[in-house]
Amino acid sequence: MTNEERRSYVFFSACLPPLVAVCFMGVIYVMLLTGMISINLGLADTNNASTWVAAFLCGFSEKFAPSLLALTEGTLSSSKKHSAKAES
């Protein structure tokens, strides 16, 4: 590996995690806006505060956003199963 390749590798490996965190925050933000998920902090202005908490956690914890998405996926798929059973 040449010196230039090493620099490129270090640059991309340093830039990738923050970019992934920004993408996850975009998804979580849209889910908070649409009401698919809600985060209750027990504060008066929960909408704005929960957005900031979610943004911080998406950037700080690599496992927060994927686990939140998996939890939401499980909740949505179970509610679809219940509604399909109710229709039949």
C-alpha atoms as a PDB file:
ATOM      1  CA  MET A   1       0.000   0.000   0.000  1.00  0.00           C
ATOM      2  CA  THR A   2       1.415   3.345  -0.971  1.00  0.00           C
ATOM      3  CA  ASN A   3       1.519   6.332   1.301  1.00  0.00           C
ATOM      4  CA  GLU A   4      -1.245   8.064  -0.712  1.00  0.00           C
ATOM      5  CA  GLU A   5      -3.496   4.996  -0.429  1.00  0.00           C
ATOM      6  CA  ARG A   6      -2.972   4.957   3.331  1.00  0.00           C
ATOM      7  CA  ARG A   7      -4.012   8.595   3.593  1.00  0.00           C
ATOM      8  CA  SER A   8      -7.138   7.947   1.520  1.00  0.00           C
ATOM      9  CA  TYR A   9      -7.999   4.925   3.654  1.00  0.00           C
ATOM     10  CA  VAL A  10      -7.592   6.884   6.894  1.00  0.00           C
ATOM     11  CA  PHE A  11      -9.625   9.775   5.498  1.00  0.00           C
ATOM     12  CA  PHE A  12     -12.554   7.586   4.406  1.00  0.00           C
ATOM     13  CA  SER A  13     -12.510   5.458   7.548  1.00  0.00           C
ATOM     14  CA  ALA A  14     -12.628   8.644   9.644  1.00  0.00           C
ATOM     15  CA  CYS A  15     -15.444  10.249   7.605  1.00  0.00           C
ATOM     16  CA  LEU A  16     -17.716   7.231   7.219  1.00  0.00           C
ATOM     17  CA  PRO A  17     -19.114   6.849  10.790  1.00  0.00           C
ATOM     18  CA  PRO A  18     -20.297  10.480  11.067  1.00  0.00           C
ATOM     19  CA  LEU A  19     -21.944  10.241   7.634  1.00  0.00           C
ATOM     20  CA  VAL A  20     -23.740   7.048   8.636  1.00  0.00           C
ATOM     21  CA  ALA A  21     -24.878   8.736  11.852  1.00  0.00           C
ATOM     22  CA  VAL A  22     -26.277  11.669   9.847  1.00  0.00           C
ATOM     23  CA  CYS A  23     -28.204   9.275   7.588  1.00  0.00           C
ATOM     24  CA  PHE A  24     -29.623   7.419  10.587  1.00  0.00           C
ATOM     25  CA  MET A  25     -30.611  10.711  12.222  1.00  0.00           C
ATOM     26  CA  GLY A  26     -32.451  11.711   9.063  1.00  0.00           C
ATOM     27  CA  VAL A  27     -34.466   8.507   9.182  1.00  0.00           C
ATOM     28  CA  ILE A  28     -35.161   8.822  12.916  1.00  0.00           C
ATOM     29  CA  TYR A  29     -36.122  12.496  12.472  1.00  0.00           C
ATOM     30  CA  VAL A  30     -38.674  11.647   9.782  1.00  0.00           C
ATOM     31  CA  MET A  31     -40.059   8.860  11.966  1.00  0.00           C
ATOM     32  CA  LEU A  32     -40.415  11.292  14.882  1.00  0.00           C
ATOM     33  CA  LEU A  33     -42.148  13.869  12.672  1.00  0.00           C
ATOM     34  CA  THR A  34     -44.624  11.390  11.224  1.00  0.00           C
ATOM     35  CA  GLY A  35     -45.422   9.900  14.610  1.00  0.00           C
ATOM     36  CA  MET A  36     -44.197   6.402  13.780  1.00  0.00           C
ATOM     37  CA  ILE A  37     -42.132   6.561  16.950  1.00  0.00           C
ATOM     38  CA  SER A  38     -42.283   8.809  19.976  1.00  0.00           C
ATOM     39  CA  ILE A  39     -39.804   9.540  22.714  1.00  0.00           C
ATOM     40  CA  ASN A  40     -41.288  10.814  25.957  1.00  0.00           C
ATOM     41  CA  LEU A  41     -38.822  12.715  28.105  1.00  0.00           C
ATOM     42  CA  GLY A  42     -41.330  14.002  30.632  1.00  0.00           C
ATOM     43  CA  LEU A  43     -40.711  17.629  29.674  1.00  0.00           C
ATOM     44  CA  ALA A  44     -43.128  20.319  28.508  1.00  0.00           C
ATOM     45  CA  ASP A  45     -41.513  20.789  25.088  1.00  0.00           C
ATOM     46  CA  THR A  46     -41.043  17.106  24.303  1.00  0.00           C
ATOM     47  CA  ASN A  47     -41.156  17.422  20.519  1.00  0.00           C
ATOM     48  CA  ASN A  48     -38.056  19.594  20.193  1.00  0.00           C
ATOM     49  CA  ALA A  49     -36.224  18.019  23.121  1.00  0.00           C
ATOM     50  CA  SER A  50     -36.782  14.467  21.904  1.00  0.00           C
ATOM     51  CA  THR A  51     -35.414  15.423  18.491  1.00  0.00           C
ATOM     52  CA  TRP A  52     -32.230  16.760  20.067  1.00  0.00           C
ATOM     53  CA  VAL A  53     -31.874  13.702  22.300  1.00  0.00           C
ATOM     54  CA  ALA A  54     -32.343  11.388  19.319  1.00  0.00           C
ATOM     55  CA  ALA A  55     -29.795  13.408  17.319  1.00  0.00           C
ATOM     56  CA  PHE A  56     -27.258  13.171  20.122  1.00  0.00           C
ATOM     57  CA  LEU A  57     -27.800   9.458  20.617  1.00  0.00           C
ATOM     58  CA  CYS A  58     -27.556   8.704  16.897  1.00  0.00           C
ATOM     59  CA  GLY A  59     -24.199  10.448  16.792  1.00  0.00           C
ATOM     60  CA  PHE A  60     -22.923   9.190  20.128  1.00  0.00           C
ATOM     61  CA  SER A  61     -24.044   5.568  20.129  1.00  0.00           C
ATOM     62  CA  GLU A  62     -23.515   3.470  17.033  1.00  0.00           C
ATOM     63  CA  LYS A  63     -26.155   0.972  18.181  1.00  0.00           C
ATOM     64  CA  PHE A  64     -28.957   3.401  19.086  1.00  0.00           C
ATOM     65  CA  ALA A  65     -30.434   4.074  15.646  1.00  0.00           C
ATOM     66  CA  PRO A  66     -30.254   0.488  14.315  1.00  0.00           C
ATOM     67  CA  SER A  67     -31.792  -0.876  17.518  1.00  0.00           C
ATOM     68  CA  LEU A  68     -34.541   1.770  17.422  1.00  0.00           C
ATOM     69  CA  LEU A  69     -35.273   0.908  13.790  1.00  0.00           C
ATOM     70  CA  ALA A  70     -35.368  -2.813  14.618  1.00  0.00           C
ATOM     71  CA  LEU A  71     -37.747  -2.158  17.514  1.00  0.00           C
ATOM     72  CA  THR A  72     -39.997  -0.064  15.280  1.00  0.00           C
ATOM     73  CA  GLU A  73     -39.910  -2.724  12.577  1.00  0.00           C
ATOM     74  CA  GLY A  74     -40.984  -5.354  15.098  1.00  0.00           C
ATOM     75  CA  THR A  75     -43.798  -3.147  16.378  1.00  0.00           C
ATOM     76  CA  LEU A  76     -45.059  -2.312  12.892  1.00  0.00           C
ATOM     77  CA  SER A  77     -44.915  -5.907  11.655  1.00  0.00           C
ATOM     78  CA  SER A  78     -46.793  -7.192  14.724  1.00  0.00           C
ATOM     79  CA  SER A  79     -49.483  -4.524  14.310  1.00  0.00           C
ATOM     80  CA  LYS A  80     -49.889  -5.512  10.642  1.00  0.00           C
ATOM     81  CA  LYS A  81     -50.324  -9.161  11.685  1.00  0.00           C
ATOM     82  CA  HIS A  82     -52.977  -8.179  14.233  1.00  0.00           C
ATOM     83  CA  SER A  83     -54.874  -6.041  11.710  1.00  0.00           C
ATOM     84  CA  ALA A  84     -54.740  -8.832   9.113  1.00  0.00           C
ATOM     85  CA  LYS A  85     -56.179 -11.293  11.656  1.00  0.00           C
ATOM     86  CA  ALA A  86     -58.931  -8.837  12.577  1.00  0.00           C
ATOM     87  CA  GLU A  87     -59.951  -8.439   8.926  1.00  0.00           C
ATOM     88  CA  SER A  88     -60.293 -12.186   8.383  1.00  0.00           C
END
